[in-house]
Amino acid sequence: MIEYLKLKSFISIYPLKEEDFYQKDIVEKLKKAFHTIQPFI
């Protein structure tokens, strides 16, 4: 597990585009991300 044990920060990143925030489904998109990241948290 050395690649994980060497980490100094433990962050999961979900890349987004500026255009995503102009769409009506941005809240639903982030809601899905909130759900998905719970096991990590």
PDB file of all heavy atoms in Angstrom:
ATOM      1  N   MET A   1       0.822  -1.216   0.000  1.00  0.00           N
ATOM      2  CA  MET A   1       0.000   0.000   0.000  1.00  0.00           C
ATOM      3  C   MET A   1       0.853   1.262   0.000  1.00  0.00           C
ATOM      4  O   MET A   1       0.365   2.349   0.317  1.00  0.00           O
ATOM      5  CB  MET A   1      -0.928  -0.001   1.218  1.00  0.00           C
ATOM      6  CG  MET A   1      -1.917  -1.157   1.262  1.00  0.00           C
ATOM      7  SD  MET A   1      -3.164  -1.049  -0.043  1.00  0.00           S
ATOM      8  CE  MET A   1      -4.188   0.270   0.619  1.00  0.00           C
ATOM      9  N   ILE A   2       2.136   1.140  -0.391  1.00  0.00           N
ATOM     10  CA  ILE A   2       3.064   2.253  -0.235  1.00  0.00           C
ATOM     11  C   ILE A   2       2.641   3.506  -0.991  1.00  0.00           C
ATOM     12  O   ILE A   2       2.867   4.630  -0.528  1.00  0.00           O
ATOM     13  CB  ILE A   2       4.497   1.830  -0.655  1.00  0.00           C
ATOM     14  CG1 ILE A   2       5.519   2.854  -0.146  1.00  0.00           C
ATOM     15  CG2 ILE A   2       4.592   1.619  -2.154  1.00  0.00           C
ATOM     16  CD1 ILE A   2       5.576   2.977   1.358  1.00  0.00           C
ATOM     17  N   GLU A   3       1.997   3.370  -2.147  1.00  0.00           N
ATOM     18  CA  GLU A   3       1.599   4.573  -2.894  1.00  0.00           C
ATOM     19  C   GLU A   3       0.592   5.410  -2.114  1.00  0.00           C
ATOM     20  O   GLU A   3       0.529   6.629  -2.279  1.00  0.00           O
ATOM     21  CB  GLU A   3       1.032   4.200  -4.260  1.00  0.00           C
ATOM     22  CG  GLU A   3      -0.285   3.447  -4.221  1.00  0.00           C
ATOM     23  CD  GLU A   3      -0.890   3.275  -5.601  1.00  0.00           C
ATOM     24  OE1 GLU A   3      -1.137   4.291  -6.273  1.00  0.00           O
ATOM     25  OE2 GLU A   3      -1.127   2.114  -5.992  1.00  0.00           O
ATOM     26  N   TYR A   4      -0.185   4.769  -1.268  1.00  0.00           N
ATOM     27  CA  TYR A   4      -1.160   5.484  -0.431  1.00  0.00           C
ATOM     28  C   TYR A   4      -0.530   5.929   0.888  1.00  0.00           C
ATOM     29  O   TYR A   4      -0.851   7.000   1.402  1.00  0.00           O
ATOM     30  CB  TYR A   4      -2.369   4.599  -0.162  1.00  0.00           C
ATOM     31  CG  TYR A   4      -3.035   4.091  -1.416  1.00  0.00           C
ATOM     32  CD1 TYR A   4      -2.971   2.735  -1.761  1.00  0.00           C
ATOM     33  CD2 TYR A   4      -3.697   4.950  -2.278  1.00  0.00           C
ATOM     34  CE1 TYR A   4      -3.566   2.263  -2.921  1.00  0.00           C
ATOM     35  CE2 TYR A   4      -4.298   4.484  -3.443  1.00  0.00           C
ATOM     36  CZ  TYR A   4      -4.219   3.139  -3.757  1.00  0.00           C
ATOM     37  OH  TYR A   4      -4.800   2.683  -4.909  1.00  0.00           O
ATOM     38  N   LEU A   5       0.364   5.119   1.425  1.00  0.00           N
ATOM     39  CA  LEU A   5       1.016   5.450   2.693  1.00  0.00           C
ATOM     40  C   LEU A   5       1.957   6.649   2.548  1.00  0.00           C
ATOM     41  O   LEU A   5       2.244   7.333   3.529  1.00  0.00           O
ATOM     42  CB  LEU A   5       1.791   4.238   3.214  1.00  0.00           C
ATOM     43  CG  LEU A   5       0.940   3.008   3.553  1.00  0.00           C
ATOM     44  CD1 LEU A   5       1.837   1.821   3.897  1.00  0.00           C
ATOM     45  CD2 LEU A   5      -0.008   3.305   4.709  1.00  0.00           C
ATOM     46  N   LYS A   6       2.429   6.915   1.347  1.00  0.00           N
ATOM     47  CA  LYS A   6       3.320   8.048   1.106  1.00  0.00           C
ATOM     48  C   LYS A   6       2.569   9.369   1.008  1.00  0.00           C
ATOM     49  O   LYS A   6       3.178  10.442   1.019  1.00  0.00           O
ATOM     50  CB  LYS A   6       4.121   7.818  -0.182  1.00  0.00           C
ATOM     51  CG  LYS A   6       5.215   6.764  -0.032  1.00  0.00           C
ATOM     52  CD  LYS A   6       5.759   6.315  -1.381  1.00  0.00           C
ATOM     53  CE  LYS A   6       6.490   7.415  -2.104  1.00  0.00           C
ATOM     54  NZ  LYS A   6       7.099   6.932  -3.373  1.00  0.00           N
ATOM     55  N   LEU A   7       1.260   9.321   0.922  1.00  0.00           N
ATOM     56  CA  LEU A   7       0.476  10.553   0.780  1.00  0.00           C
ATOM     57  C   LEU A   7       0.584  11.433   2.017  1.00  0.00           C
ATOM     58  O   LEU A   7       0.598  10.943   3.152  1.00  0.00           O
ATOM     59  CB  LEU A   7      -0.989  10.220   0.507  1.00  0.00           C
ATOM     60  CG  LEU A   7      -1.299   9.528  -0.818  1.00  0.00           C
ATOM     61  CD1 LEU A   7      -2.786   9.195  -0.905  1.00  0.00           C
ATOM     62  CD2 LEU A   7      -0.888  10.404  -1.994  1.00  0.00           C
ATOM     63  N   LYS A   8       0.626  12.737   1.795  1.00  0.00           N
ATOM     64  CA  LYS A   8       0.606  13.715   2.886  1.00  0.00           C
ATOM     65  C   LYS A   8      -0.751  14.402   2.969  1.00  0.00           C
ATOM     66  O   LYS A   8      -1.091  15.019   3.981  1.00  0.00           O
ATOM     67  CB  LYS A   8       1.707  14.756   2.674  1.00  0.00           C
ATOM     68  CG  LYS A   8       3.115  14.182   2.746  1.00  0.00           C
ATOM     69  CD  LYS A   8       4.172  15.262   2.697  1.00  0.00           C
ATOM     70  CE  LYS A   8       4.252  15.928   1.332  1.00  0.00           C
ATOM     71  NZ  LYS A   8       5.323  16.963   1.267  1.00  0.00           N
ATOM     72  N   SER A   9      -1.504  14.365   1.882  1.00  0.00           N
ATOM     73  CA  SER A   9      -2.897  14.829   1.852  1.00  0.00           C
ATOM     74  C   SER A   9      -3.759  13.665   1.383  1.00  0.00           C
ATOM     75  O   SER A   9      -3.296  12.829   0.604  1.00  0.00           O
ATOM     76  CB  SER A   9      -3.065  16.009   0.888  1.00  0.00           C
ATOM     77  OG  SER A   9      -2.403  17.155   1.362  1.00  0.00           O
ATOM     78  N   PHE A  10      -4.979  13.625   1.882  1.00  0.00           N
ATOM     79  CA  PHE A  10      -5.890  12.544   1.510  1.00  0.00           C
ATOM     80  C   PHE A  10      -7.168  13.181   0.973  1.00  0.00           C
ATOM     81  O   PHE A  10      -8.130  13.425   1.700  1.00  0.00           O
ATOM     82  CB  PHE A  10      -6.170  11.641   2.718  1.00  0.00           C
ATOM     83  CG  PHE A  10      -4.918  11.011   3.263  1.00  0.00           C
ATOM     84  CD1 PHE A  10      -4.138  11.681   4.200  1.00  0.00           C
ATOM     85  CD2 PHE A  10      -4.493   9.767   2.819  1.00  0.00           C
ATOM     86  CE1 PHE A  10      -2.961  11.115   4.686  1.00  0.00           C
ATOM     87  CE2 PHE A  10      -3.323   9.193   3.296  1.00  0.00           C
ATOM     88  CZ  PHE A  10      -2.560   9.868   4.231  1.00  0.00           C
ATOM     89  N   ILE A  11      -7.124  13.503  -0.327  1.00  0.00           N
ATOM     90  CA  ILE A  11      -8.202  14.260  -0.961  1.00  0.00           C
ATOM     91  C   ILE A  11      -8.681  13.550  -2.217  1.00  0.00           C
ATOM     92  O   ILE A  11      -7.874  13.126  -3.048  1.00  0.00           O
ATOM     93  CB  ILE A  11      -7.728  15.675  -1.349  1.00  0.00           C
ATOM     94  CG1 ILE A  11      -7.190  16.425  -0.132  1.00  0.00           C
ATOM     95  CG2 ILE A  11      -8.848  16.470  -1.994  1.00  0.00           C
ATOM     96  CD1 ILE A  11      -6.561  17.758  -0.486  1.00  0.00           C
ATOM     97  N   SER A  12      -9.985  13.457  -2.345  1.00  0.00           N
ATOM     98  CA  SER A  12     -10.595  12.960  -3.575  1.00  0.00           C
ATOM     99  C   SER A  12     -11.072  14.154  -4.378  1.00  0.00           C
ATOM    100  O   SER A  12     -11.750  15.041  -3.834  1.00  0.00           O
ATOM    101  CB  SER A  12     -11.768  12.032  -3.263  1.00  0.00           C
ATOM    102  OG  SER A  12     -11.312  10.827  -2.673  1.00  0.00           O
ATOM    103  N   ILE A  13     -10.730  14.175  -5.672  1.00  0.00           N
ATOM    104  CA  ILE A  13     -11.030  15.319  -6.529  1.00  0.00           C
ATOM    105  C   ILE A  13     -12.003  14.922  -7.636  1.00  0.00           C
ATOM    106  O   ILE A  13     -11.802  13.919  -8.332  1.00  0.00           O
ATOM    107  CB  ILE A  13      -9.754  15.887  -7.169  1.00  0.00           C
ATOM    108  CG1 ILE A  13      -8.767  16.356  -6.089  1.00  0.00           C
ATOM    109  CG2 ILE A  13     -10.091  17.023  -8.133  1.00  0.00           C
ATOM    110  CD1 ILE A  13      -9.240  17.550  -5.301  1.00  0.00           C
ATOM    111  N   TYR A  14     -13.043  15.727  -7.795  1.00  0.00           N
ATOM    112  CA  TYR A  14     -14.021  15.559  -8.869  1.00  0.00           C
ATOM    113  C   TYR A  14     -13.897  16.776  -9.786  1.00  0.00           C
ATOM    114  O   TYR A  14     -14.369  17.861  -9.447  1.00  0.00           O
ATOM    115  CB  TYR A  14     -15.426  15.458  -8.265  1.00  0.00           C
ATOM    116  CG  TYR A  14     -16.577  15.457  -9.235  1.00  0.00           C
ATOM    117  CD1 TYR A  14     -16.459  14.986 -10.540  1.00  0.00           C
ATOM    118  CD2 TYR A  14     -17.833  15.919  -8.823  1.00  0.00           C
ATOM    119  CE1 TYR A  14     -17.540  14.977 -11.412  1.00  0.00           C
ATOM    120  CE2 TYR A  14     -18.922  15.907  -9.681  1.00  0.00           C
ATOM    121  CZ  TYR A  14     -18.771  15.440 -10.971  1.00  0.00           C
ATOM    122  OH  TYR A  14     -19.856  15.442 -11.837  1.00  0.00           O
ATOM    123  N   PRO A  15     -13.238  16.645 -10.941  1.00  0.00           N
ATOM    124  CA  PRO A  15     -13.056  17.792 -11.842  1.00  0.00           C
ATOM    125  C   PRO A  15     -14.391  18.251 -12.427  1.00  0.00           C
ATOM    126  O   PRO A  15     -15.247  17.441 -12.784  1.00  0.00           O
ATOM    127  CB  PRO A  15     -12.140  17.238 -12.939  1.00  0.00           C
ATOM    128  CG  PRO A  15     -11.577  15.969 -12.404  1.00  0.00           C
ATOM    129  CD  PRO A  15     -12.614  15.426 -11.474  1.00  0.00           C
ATOM    130  N   LEU A  16     -14.551  19.560 -12.536  1.00  0.00           N
ATOM    131  CA  LEU A  16     -15.754  20.142 -13.117  1.00  0.00           C
ATOM    132  C   LEU A  16     -15.355  21.211 -14.128  1.00  0.00           C
ATOM    133  O   LEU A  16     -14.231  21.721 -14.095  1.00  0.00           O
ATOM    134  CB  LEU A  16     -16.629  20.763 -12.023  1.00  0.00           C
ATOM    135  CG  LEU A  16     -17.257  19.784 -11.033  1.00  0.00           C
ATOM    136  CD1 LEU A  16     -17.663  20.498  -9.751  1.00  0.00           C
ATOM    137  CD2 LEU A  16     -18.471  19.109 -11.658  1.00  0.00           C
ATOM    138  N   LYS A  17     -16.279  21.545 -15.011  1.00  0.00           N
ATOM    139  CA  LYS A  17     -16.054  22.589 -15.989  1.00  0.00           C
ATOM    140  C   LYS A  17     -16.891  23.816 -15.627  1.00  0.00           C
ATOM    141  O   LYS A  17     -17.941  23.699 -15.009  1.00  0.00           O
ATOM    142  CB  LYS A  17     -16.435  22.101 -17.388  1.00  0.00           C
ATOM    143  CG  LYS A  17     -15.614  20.911 -17.880  1.00  0.00           C
ATOM    144  CD  LYS A  17     -16.108  20.458 -19.239  1.00  0.00           C
ATOM    145  CE  LYS A  17     -15.326  19.253 -19.733  1.00  0.00           C
ATOM    146  NZ  LYS A  17     -15.827  18.768 -21.044  1.00  0.00           N
ATOM    147  N   GLU A  18     -16.413  24.974 -16.043  1.00  0.00           N
ATOM    148  CA  GLU A  18     -17.185  26.191 -15.820  1.00  0.00           C
ATOM    149  C   GLU A  18     -18.589  26.034 -16.394  1.00  0.00           C
ATOM    150  O   GLU A  18     -19.585  26.436 -15.758  1.00  0.00           O
ATOM    151  CB  GLU A  18     -16.473  27.373 -16.478  1.00  0.00           C
ATOM    152  CG  GLU A  18     -17.240  28.682 -16.405  1.00  0.00           C
ATOM    153  CD  GLU A  18     -16.519  29.826 -17.094  1.00  0.00           C
ATOM    154  OE1 GLU A  18     -15.274  29.798 -17.191  1.00  0.00           O
ATOM    155  OE2 GLU A  18     -17.209  30.768 -17.532  1.00  0.00           O
ATOM    156  N   GLU A  19     -18.678  25.412 -17.565  1.00  0.00           N
ATOM    157  CA  GLU A  19     -19.978  25.254 -18.227  1.00  0.00           C
ATOM    158  C   GLU A  19     -20.951  24.412 -17.406  1.00  0.00           C
ATOM    159  O   GLU A  19     -22.169  24.562 -17.546  1.00  0.00           O
ATOM    160  CB  GLU A  19     -19.774  24.609 -19.610  1.00  0.00           C
ATOM    161  CG  GLU A  19     -19.069  25.506 -20.625  1.00  0.00           C
ATOM    162  CD  GLU A  19     -17.586  25.653 -20.364  1.00  0.00           C
ATOM    163  OE1 GLU A  19     -17.010  24.786 -19.660  1.00  0.00           O
ATOM    164  OE2 GLU A  19     -16.996  26.632 -20.859  1.00  0.00           O
ATOM    165  N   ASP A  20     -20.430  23.533 -16.562  1.00  0.00           N
ATOM    166  CA  ASP A  20     -21.308  22.710 -15.715  1.00  0.00           C
ATOM    167  C   ASP A  20     -22.170  23.574 -14.806  1.00  0.00           C
ATOM    168  O   ASP A  20     -23.309  23.211 -14.489  1.00  0.00           O
ATOM    169  CB  ASP A  20     -20.476  21.750 -14.846  1.00  0.00           C
ATOM    170  CG  ASP A  20     -19.797  20.661 -15.656  1.00  0.00           C
ATOM    171  OD1 ASP A  20     -20.349  20.276 -16.708  1.00  0.00           O
ATOM    172  OD2 ASP A  20     -18.727  20.185 -15.232  1.00  0.00           O
ATOM    173  N   PHE A  21     -21.633  24.705 -14.392  1.00  0.00           N
ATOM    174  CA  PHE A  21     -22.342  25.564 -13.445  1.00  0.00           C
ATOM    175  C   PHE A  21     -23.424  26.408 -14.121  1.00  0.00           C
ATOM    176  O   PHE A  21     -24.221  27.050 -13.439  1.00  0.00           O
ATOM    177  CB  PHE A  21     -21.342  26.447 -12.695  1.00  0.00           C
ATOM    178  CG  PHE A  21     -20.493  25.668 -11.746  1.00  0.00           C
ATOM    179  CD1 PHE A  21     -19.286  25.124 -12.167  1.00  0.00           C
ATOM    180  CD2 PHE A  21     -20.915  25.431 -10.442  1.00  0.00           C
ATOM    181  CE1 PHE A  21     -18.503  24.373 -11.308  1.00  0.00           C
ATOM    182  CE2 PHE A  21     -20.141  24.691  -9.574  1.00  0.00           C
ATOM    183  CZ  PHE A  21     -18.938  24.147 -10.005  1.00  0.00           C
ATOM    184  N   TYR A  22     -23.453  26.403 -15.447  1.00  0.00           N
ATOM    185  CA  TYR A  22     -24.503  27.113 -16.164  1.00  0.00           C
ATOM    186  C   TYR A  22     -25.705  26.211 -16.438  1.00  0.00           C
ATOM    187  O   TYR A  22     -26.735  26.681 -16.927  1.00  0.00           O
ATOM    188  CB  TYR A  22     -23.973  27.648 -17.500  1.00  0.00           C
ATOM    189  CG  TYR A  22     -22.779  28.571 -17.383  1.00  0.00           C
ATOM    190  CD1 TYR A  22     -21.831  28.642 -18.401  1.00  0.00           C
ATOM    191  CD2 TYR A  22     -22.609  29.378 -16.263  1.00  0.00           C
ATOM    192  CE1 TYR A  22     -20.732  29.484 -18.302  1.00  0.00           C
ATOM    193  CE2 TYR A  22     -21.512  30.221 -16.150  1.00  0.00           C
ATOM    194  CZ  TYR A  22     -20.581  30.273 -17.172  1.00  0.00           C
ATOM    195  OH  TYR A  22     -19.502  31.112 -17.069  1.00  0.00           O
ATOM    196  N   GLN A  23     -25.561  24.933 -16.121  1.00  0.00           N
ATOM    197  CA  GLN A  23     -26.628  23.974 -16.399  1.00  0.00           C
ATOM    198  C   GLN A  23     -27.580  23.845 -15.201  1.00  0.00           C
ATOM    199  O   GLN A  23     -27.164  23.991 -14.043  1.00  0.00           O
ATOM    200  CB  GLN A  23     -26.039  22.601 -16.730  1.00  0.00           C
ATOM    201  CG  GLN A  23     -25.013  22.623 -17.851  1.00  0.00           C
ATOM    202  CD  GLN A  23     -25.571  23.208 -19.143  1.00  0.00           C
ATOM    203  OE1 GLN A  23     -26.681  22.870 -19.551  1.00  0.00           O
ATOM    204  NE2 GLN A  23     -24.790  24.066 -19.793  1.00  0.00           N
ATOM    205  N   LYS A  24     -28.831  23.533 -15.489  1.00  0.00           N
ATOM    206  CA  LYS A  24     -29.836  23.413 -14.431  1.00  0.00           C
ATOM    207  C   LYS A  24     -29.601  22.214 -13.528  1.00  0.00           C
ATOM    208  O   LYS A  24     -30.121  22.166 -12.404  1.00  0.00           O
ATOM    209  CB  LYS A  24     -31.234  23.326 -15.050  1.00  0.00           C
ATOM    210  CG  LYS A  24     -31.678  24.609 -15.752  1.00  0.00           C
ATOM    211  CD  LYS A  24     -33.081  24.466 -16.318  1.00  0.00           C
ATOM    212  CE  LYS A  24     -33.531  25.756 -16.995  1.00  0.00           C
ATOM    213  NZ  LYS A  24     -34.899  25.648 -17.571  1.00  0.00           N
ATOM    214  N   ASP A  25     -28.818  21.233 -14.007  1.00  0.00           N
ATOM    215  CA  ASP A  25     -28.627  20.014 -13.225  1.00  0.00           C
ATOM    216  C   ASP A  25     -27.384  20.061 -12.340  1.00  0.00           C
ATOM    217  O   ASP A  25     -26.973  19.035 -11.797  1.00  0.00           O
ATOM    218  CB  ASP A  25     -28.540  18.794 -14.145  1.00  0.00           C
ATOM    219  CG  ASP A  25     -27.281  18.786 -15.013  1.00  0.00           C
ATOM    220  OD1 ASP A  25     -26.620  19.844 -15.109  1.00  0.00           O
ATOM    221  OD2 ASP A  25     -26.972  17.722 -15.573  1.00  0.00           O
ATOM    222  N   ILE A  26     -26.782  21.231 -12.134  1.00  0.00           N
ATOM    223  CA  ILE A  26     -25.554  21.300 -11.349  1.00  0.00           C
ATOM    224  C   ILE A  26     -25.774  20.837  -9.910  1.00  0.00           C
ATOM    225  O   ILE A  26     -24.915  20.162  -9.325  1.00  0.00           O
ATOM    226  CB  ILE A  26     -24.934  22.719 -11.380  1.00  0.00           C
ATOM    227  CG1 ILE A  26     -23.603  22.738 -10.623  1.00  0.00           C
ATOM    228  CG2 ILE A  26     -25.903  23.758 -10.863  1.00  0.00           C
ATOM    229  CD1 ILE A  26     -22.549  21.802 -11.155  1.00  0.00           C
ATOM    230  N   VAL A  27     -26.912  21.163  -9.323  1.00  0.00           N
ATOM    231  CA  VAL A  27     -27.170  20.716  -7.950  1.00  0.00           C
ATOM    232  C   VAL A  27     -27.305  19.196  -7.902  1.00  0.00           C
ATOM    233  O   VAL A  27     -26.760  18.540  -7.010  1.00  0.00           O
ATOM    234  CB  VAL A  27     -28.428  21.405  -7.370  1.00  0.00           C
ATOM    235  CG1 VAL A  27     -28.808  20.787  -6.020  1.00  0.00           C
ATOM    236  CG2 VAL A  27     -28.185  22.899  -7.197  1.00  0.00           C
ATOM    237  N   GLU A  28     -27.995  18.618  -8.880  1.00  0.00           N
ATOM    238  CA  GLU A  28     -28.132  17.156  -8.943  1.00  0.00           C
ATOM    239  C   GLU A  28     -26.768  16.500  -9.170  1.00  0.00           C
ATOM    240  O   GLU A  28     -26.485  15.433  -8.613  1.00  0.00           O
ATOM    241  CB  GLU A  28     -29.097  16.753 -10.061  1.00  0.00           C
ATOM    242  CG  GLU A  28     -30.555  16.913  -9.700  1.00  0.00           C
ATOM    243  CD  GLU A  28     -30.963  16.038  -8.521  1.00  0.00           C
ATOM    244  OE1 GLU A  28     -30.626  14.833  -8.534  1.00  0.00           O
ATOM    245  OE2 GLU A  28     -31.605  16.545  -7.590  1.00  0.00           O
ATOM    246  N   LYS A  29     -25.939  17.131  -9.967  1.00  0.00           N
ATOM    247  CA  LYS A  29     -24.592  16.603 -10.245  1.00  0.00           C
ATOM    248  C   LYS A  29     -23.768  16.558  -8.963  1.00  0.00           C
ATOM    249  O   LYS A  29     -23.084  15.566  -8.669  1.00  0.00           O
ATOM    250  CB  LYS A  29     -23.914  17.478 -11.300  1.00  0.00           C
ATOM    251  CG  LYS A  29     -22.613  16.904 -11.852  1.00  0.00           C
ATOM    252  CD  LYS A  29     -21.966  17.884 -12.834  1.00  0.00           C
ATOM    253  CE  LYS A  29     -22.747  17.967 -14.132  1.00  0.00           C
ATOM    254  NZ  LYS A  29     -22.435  16.847 -15.043  1.00  0.00           N
ATOM    255  N   LEU A  30     -23.841  17.629  -8.186  1.00  0.00           N
ATOM    256  CA  LEU A  30     -23.091  17.678  -6.938  1.00  0.00           C
ATOM    257  C   LEU A  30     -23.730  16.806  -5.856  1.00  0.00           C
ATOM    258  O   LEU A  30     -23.028  16.249  -5.012  1.00  0.00           O
ATOM    259  CB  LEU A  30     -22.957  19.126  -6.466  1.00  0.00           C
ATOM    260  CG  LEU A  30     -21.992  19.952  -7.321  1.00  0.00           C
ATOM    261  CD1 LEU A  30     -22.121  21.434  -7.008  1.00  0.00           C
ATOM    262  CD2 LEU A  30     -20.554  19.496  -7.096  1.00  0.00           C
ATOM    263  N   LYS A  31     -25.041  16.675  -5.900  1.00  0.00           N
ATOM    264  CA  LYS A  31     -25.719  15.765  -4.969  1.00  0.00           C
ATOM    265  C   LYS A  31     -25.204  14.337  -5.176  1.00  0.00           C
ATOM    266  O   LYS A  31     -24.928  13.611  -4.209  1.00  0.00           O
ATOM    267  CB  LYS A  31     -27.235  15.817  -5.197  1.00  0.00           C
ATOM    268  CG  LYS A  31     -28.027  14.831  -4.341  1.00  0.00           C
ATOM    269  CD  LYS A  31     -29.507  14.891  -4.691  1.00  0.00           C
ATOM    270  CE  LYS A  31     -30.312  13.847  -3.924  1.00  0.00           C
ATOM    271  NZ  LYS A  31     -31.749  13.899  -4.294  1.00  0.00           N
ATOM    272  N   LYS A  32     -25.059  13.929  -6.418  1.00  0.00           N
ATOM    273  CA  LYS A  32     -24.509  12.608  -6.726  1.00  0.00           C
ATOM    274  C   LYS A  32     -23.090  12.486  -6.192  1.00  0.00           C
ATOM    275  O   LYS A  32     -22.695  11.438  -5.649  1.00  0.00           O
ATOM    276  CB  LYS A  32     -24.539  12.377  -8.232  1.00  0.00           C
ATOM    277  CG  LYS A  32     -24.050  10.993  -8.655  1.00  0.00           C
ATOM    278  CD  LYS A  32     -24.146  10.817 -10.165  1.00  0.00           C
ATOM    279  CE  LYS A  32     -23.653   9.432 -10.575  1.00  0.00           C
ATOM    280  NZ  LYS A  32     -23.731   9.245 -12.057  1.00  0.00           N
ATOM    281  N   ALA A  33     -22.310  13.547  -6.327  1.00  0.00           N
ATOM    282  CA  ALA A  33     -20.946  13.541  -5.810  1.00  0.00           C
ATOM    283  C   ALA A  33     -20.935  13.421  -4.289  1.00  0.00           C
ATOM    284  O   ALA A  33     -20.107  12.693  -3.726  1.00  0.00           O
ATOM    285  CB  ALA A  33     -20.214  14.804  -6.248  1.00  0.00           C
ATOM    286  N   PHE A  34     -21.855  14.127  -3.607  1.00  0.00           N
ATOM    287  CA  PHE A  34     -21.952  14.024  -2.144  1.00  0.00           C
ATOM    288  C   PHE A  34     -22.214  12.581  -1.724  1.00  0.00           C
ATOM    289  O   PHE A  34     -21.626  12.075  -0.763  1.00  0.00           O
ATOM    290  CB  PHE A  34     -23.083  14.913  -1.618  1.00  0.00           C
ATOM    291  CG  PHE A  34     -22.872  16.393  -1.779  1.00  0.00           C
ATOM    292  CD1 PHE A  34     -23.958  17.265  -1.756  1.00  0.00           C
ATOM    293  CD2 PHE A  34     -21.606  16.927  -1.949  1.00  0.00           C
ATOM    294  CE1 PHE A  34     -23.787  18.639  -1.901  1.00  0.00           C
ATOM    295  CE2 PHE A  34     -21.419  18.301  -2.095  1.00  0.00           C
ATOM    296  CZ  PHE A  34     -22.513  19.151  -2.059  1.00  0.00           C
ATOM    297  N   HIS A  35     -23.121  11.916  -2.439  1.00  0.00           N
ATOM    298  CA  HIS A  35     -23.441  10.512  -2.146  1.00  0.00           C
ATOM    299  C   HIS A  35     -22.222   9.619  -2.384  1.00  0.00           C
ATOM    300  O   HIS A  35     -21.869   8.790  -1.543  1.00  0.00           O
ATOM    301  CB  HIS A  35     -24.586  10.039  -3.048  1.00  0.00           C
ATOM    302  CG  HIS A  35     -25.942  10.174  -2.449  1.00  0.00           C
ATOM    303  ND1 HIS A  35     -26.343   9.474  -1.333  1.00  0.00           N
ATOM    304  CD2 HIS A  35     -27.009  10.934  -2.829  1.00  0.00           C
ATOM    305  CE1 HIS A  35     -27.588   9.791  -1.041  1.00  0.00           C
ATOM    306  NE2 HIS A  35     -28.020  10.680  -1.924  1.00  0.00           N
ATOM    307  N   THR A  36     -21.600   9.810  -3.521  1.00  0.00           N
ATOM    308  CA  THR A  36     -20.513   8.931  -3.948  1.00  0.00           C
ATOM    309  C   THR A  36     -19.305   9.009  -3.028  1.00  0.00           C
ATOM    310  O   THR A  36     -18.617   8.001  -2.814  1.00  0.00           O
ATOM    311  CB  THR A  36     -20.093   9.283  -5.391  1.00  0.00           C
ATOM    312  OG1 THR A  36     -21.232   9.190  -6.248  1.00  0.00           O
ATOM    313  CG2 THR A  36     -19.010   8.349  -5.893  1.00  0.00           C
ATOM    314  N   ILE A  37     -19.048  10.173  -2.453  1.00  0.00           N
ATOM    315  CA  ILE A  37     -17.847  10.367  -1.656  1.00  0.00           C
ATOM    316  C   ILE A  37     -18.010   9.914  -0.196  1.00  0.00           C
ATOM    317  O   ILE A  37     -17.031   9.865   0.559  1.00  0.00           O
ATOM    318  CB  ILE A  37     -17.391  11.850  -1.707  1.00  0.00           C
ATOM    319  CG1 ILE A  37     -15.887  11.960  -1.376  1.00  0.00           C
ATOM    320  CG2 ILE A  37     -18.229  12.719  -0.756  1.00  0.00           C
ATOM    321  CD1 ILE A  37     -14.995  11.183  -2.299  1.00  0.00           C
ATOM    322  N   GLN A  38     -19.229   9.556   0.209  1.00  0.00           N
ATOM    323  CA  GLN A  38     -19.446   9.204   1.611  1.00  0.00           C
ATOM    324  C   GLN A  38     -18.573   8.061   2.126  1.00  0.00           C
ATOM    325  O   GLN A  38     -18.036   8.141   3.241  1.00  0.00           O
ATOM    326  CB  GLN A  38     -20.931   8.916   1.859  1.00  0.00           C
ATOM    327  CG  GLN A  38     -21.821  10.143   1.871  1.00  0.00           C
ATOM    328  CD  GLN A  38     -21.300  11.245   2.762  1.00  0.00           C
ATOM    329  OE1 GLN A  38     -21.198  11.075   3.971  1.00  0.00           O
ATOM    330  NE2 GLN A  38     -20.949  12.384   2.171  1.00  0.00           N
ATOM    331  N   PRO A  39     -18.387   6.949   1.393  1.00  0.00           N
ATOM    332  CA  PRO A  39     -17.511   5.892   1.920  1.00  0.00           C
ATOM    333  C   PRO A  39     -16.089   6.378   2.192  1.00  0.00           C
ATOM    334  O   PRO A  39     -15.459   5.950   3.165  1.00  0.00           O
ATOM    335  CB  PRO A  39     -17.540   4.835   0.808  1.00  0.00           C
ATOM    336  CG  PRO A  39     -18.859   5.044   0.141  1.00  0.00           C
ATOM    337  CD  PRO A  39     -19.073   6.530   0.149  1.00  0.00           C
ATOM    338  N   PHE A  40     -15.592   7.287   1.364  1.00  0.00           N
ATOM    339  CA  PHE A  40     -14.257   7.858   1.561  1.00  0.00           C
ATOM    340  C   PHE A  40     -14.232   8.706   2.829  1.00  0.00           C
ATOM    341  O   PHE A  40     -13.318   8.589   3.662  1.00  0.00           O
ATOM    342  CB  PHE A  40     -13.881   8.696   0.341  1.00  0.00           C
ATOM    343  CG  PHE A  40     -12.513   9.316   0.398  1.00  0.00           C
ATOM    344  CD1 PHE A  40     -11.379   8.544   0.236  1.00  0.00           C
ATOM    345  CD2 PHE A  40     -12.364  10.690   0.582  1.00  0.00           C
ATOM    346  CE1 PHE A  40     -10.109   9.117   0.279  1.00  0.00           C
ATOM    347  CE2 PHE A  40     -11.105  11.268   0.621  1.00  0.00           C
ATOM    348  CZ  PHE A  40      -9.974  10.481   0.469  1.00  0.00           C
ATOM    349  N   ILE A  41     -15.240   9.558   3.006  1.00  0.00           N
ATOM    350  CA  ILE A  41     -15.333  10.400   4.196  1.00  0.00           C
ATOM    351  C   ILE A  41     -15.453   9.540   5.453  1.00  0.00           C
ATOM    352  O   ILE A  41     -14.792   9.802   6.475  1.00  0.00           O
ATOM    353  CB  ILE A  41     -16.545  11.358   4.091  1.00  0.00           C
ATOM    354  CG1 ILE A  41     -16.299  12.427   3.014  1.00  0.00           C
ATOM    355  CG2 ILE A  41     -16.849  12.018   5.429  1.00  0.00           C
ATOM    356  CD1 ILE A  41     -15.214  13.424   3.348  1.00  0.00           C
TER     357      ILE A  41
END
